[in-house]
Amino acid sequence: ERQPYFIAAAGSAIGGSLIPVPGGVLAKDEAGTVVGCVGISGDTSDNDEIAAIAGIESVSLVPQPD
């Protein structure tokens, strides 16, 4: 929703096979620097995102699910 042109361009680059859904979450350190990401798949998209956030927080990092 926030970056429709990016989604359209990425979808076009991979033949239209992109479906953006929750489940991938950036992980940041205390200073706000992105240090990695966590992707979860296997349940509903909302539950995947909840699991990713819990994992990131369990190692004292800050999740950014947007």
C-alpha atoms as a PDB file:
ATOM      1  CA  GLU A   1       0.000   0.000   0.000  1.00  0.00           C
ATOM      2  CA  ARG A   2       2.773   2.448   0.884  1.00  0.00           C
ATOM      3  CA  GLN A   3       5.014   1.672  -2.104  1.00  0.00           C
ATOM      4  CA  PRO A   4       2.816   0.559  -4.994  1.00  0.00           C
ATOM      5  CA  TYR A   5       5.390   1.443  -7.678  1.00  0.00           C
ATOM      6  CA  PHE A   6       8.019  -0.725  -6.012  1.00  0.00           C
ATOM      7  CA  ILE A   7       5.629  -3.668  -5.792  1.00  0.00           C
ATOM      8  CA  ALA A   8       4.607  -3.203  -9.435  1.00  0.00           C
ATOM      9  CA  ALA A   9       8.251  -3.004 -10.563  1.00  0.00           C
ATOM     10  CA  ALA A  10       9.306  -6.032  -8.501  1.00  0.00           C
ATOM     11  CA  GLY A  11       6.341  -8.035  -9.776  1.00  0.00           C
ATOM     12  CA  SER A  12       7.197  -7.134 -13.344  1.00  0.00           C
ATOM     13  CA  ALA A  13      10.847  -8.086 -12.853  1.00  0.00           C
ATOM     14  CA  ILE A  14       9.921 -11.609 -11.748  1.00  0.00           C
ATOM     15  CA  GLY A  15       7.130 -12.232 -14.202  1.00  0.00           C
ATOM     16  CA  GLY A  16       4.213 -11.093 -12.075  1.00  0.00           C
ATOM     17  CA  SER A  17       4.631 -13.753  -9.378  1.00  0.00           C
ATOM     18  CA  LEU A  18       4.876 -11.386  -6.399  1.00  0.00           C
ATOM     19  CA  ILE A  19       2.162 -11.301  -3.742  1.00  0.00           C
ATOM     20  CA  PRO A  20       3.077  -8.916  -0.903  1.00  0.00           C
ATOM     21  CA  VAL A  21       1.831 -10.143   2.478  1.00  0.00           C
ATOM     22  CA  PRO A  22       2.965  -9.798   6.093  1.00  0.00           C
ATOM     23  CA  GLY A  23       5.536 -12.290   7.337  1.00  0.00           C
ATOM     24  CA  GLY A  24       8.876 -10.620   6.623  1.00  0.00           C
ATOM     25  CA  VAL A  25      10.127  -8.250   9.314  1.00  0.00           C
ATOM     26  CA  LEU A  26      13.263  -6.100   9.435  1.00  0.00           C
ATOM     27  CA  ALA A  27      15.441  -6.412  12.550  1.00  0.00           C
ATOM     28  CA  LYS A  28      17.153  -3.299  13.889  1.00  0.00           C
ATOM     29  CA  ASP A  29      19.667  -2.716  16.660  1.00  0.00           C
ATOM     30  CA  GLU A  30      19.221  -0.145  19.437  1.00  0.00           C
ATOM     31  CA  ALA A  31      20.596   2.637  17.185  1.00  0.00           C
ATOM     32  CA  GLY A  32      18.001   1.893  14.509  1.00  0.00           C
ATOM     33  CA  THR A  33      20.418   0.266  12.061  1.00  0.00           C
ATOM     34  CA  VAL A  34      18.970  -2.627  10.069  1.00  0.00           C
ATOM     35  CA  VAL A  35      21.021  -5.704  10.975  1.00  0.00           C
ATOM     36  CA  GLY A  36      18.933  -8.375   9.284  1.00  0.00           C
ATOM     37  CA  CYS A  37      15.459  -9.669   8.673  1.00  0.00           C
ATOM     38  CA  VAL A  38      13.265 -12.599   9.580  1.00  0.00           C
ATOM     39  CA  GLY A  39      10.803 -14.275   7.247  1.00  0.00           C
ATOM     40  CA  ILE A  40       8.187 -16.716   8.469  1.00  0.00           C
ATOM     41  CA  SER A  41       5.815 -18.865   6.453  1.00  0.00           C
ATOM     42  CA  GLY A  42       3.438 -21.613   7.461  1.00  0.00           C
ATOM     43  CA  ASP A  43       0.409 -20.043   9.127  1.00  0.00           C
ATOM     44  CA  THR A  44      -1.768 -17.085   8.238  1.00  0.00           C
ATOM     45  CA  SER A  45       0.187 -14.014   7.147  1.00  0.00           C
ATOM     46  CA  ASP A  46      -0.760 -12.150  10.323  1.00  0.00           C
ATOM     47  CA  ASN A  47       0.425 -15.041  12.528  1.00  0.00           C
ATOM     48  CA  ASP A  48       3.642 -15.339  10.504  1.00  0.00           C
ATOM     49  CA  GLU A  49       4.340 -11.677  11.228  1.00  0.00           C
ATOM     50  CA  ILE A  50       3.591 -12.137  14.945  1.00  0.00           C
ATOM     51  CA  ALA A  51       6.050 -15.055  15.068  1.00  0.00           C
ATOM     52  CA  ALA A  52       8.751 -13.046  13.262  1.00  0.00           C
ATOM     53  CA  ILE A  53       8.336 -10.139  15.684  1.00  0.00           C
ATOM     54  CA  ALA A  54       8.541 -12.481  18.688  1.00  0.00           C
ATOM     55  CA  GLY A  55      11.746 -14.022  17.357  1.00  0.00           C
ATOM     56  CA  ILE A  56      13.379 -10.657  16.762  1.00  0.00           C
ATOM     57  CA  GLU A  57      12.412  -9.386  20.201  1.00  0.00           C
ATOM     58  CA  SER A  58      13.706 -12.606  21.810  1.00  0.00           C
ATOM     59  CA  VAL A  59      17.252 -11.650  20.823  1.00  0.00           C
ATOM     60  CA  SER A  60      16.865  -8.044  22.037  1.00  0.00           C
ATOM     61  CA  LEU A  61      16.509  -6.501  18.584  1.00  0.00           C
ATOM     62  CA  VAL A  62      13.796  -4.103  17.428  1.00  0.00           C
ATOM     63  CA  PRO A  63      11.279  -5.326  14.833  1.00  0.00           C
ATOM     64  CA  GLN A  64      10.064  -3.109  11.991  1.00  0.00           C
ATOM     65  CA  PRO A  65       7.166  -4.974  10.388  1.00  0.00           C
ATOM     66  CA  ASP A  66       6.322  -2.280   7.807  1.00  0.00           C
END
